[in-house]
Amino acid sequence: METKFIDMITEVLEIEDRTIEMQDVFRAYDEWDSLAHLSLIAEIDDVYDVVIEDETFQQLTTLQALYTEIQKRTKD
């Protein structure tokens, strides 16, 4: 599931020139902007059938934190 998650992030943010890591602060990516934010929220909903409220999403800073939140919600 982690590889699927990384692939999704890479595709949504259109990252082509480097490898991303789970400890990365995704908001620090050059590709991160309001459109990327909305696209990522929509893709998480589509791929994992998980809706993360904006208040919660704002508290998630690393890819690992985002991944953990998705895992937590898919287990319920």
Foldseek 3Di string as FASTA:
>chain_A
DVVVLQVLLCVLLVPDPDGDDQFAFVCPDPSDDPSSVVSVQVVLCVPLVDHDDPVRVVVDGGNNSVVVVSVVVSVD
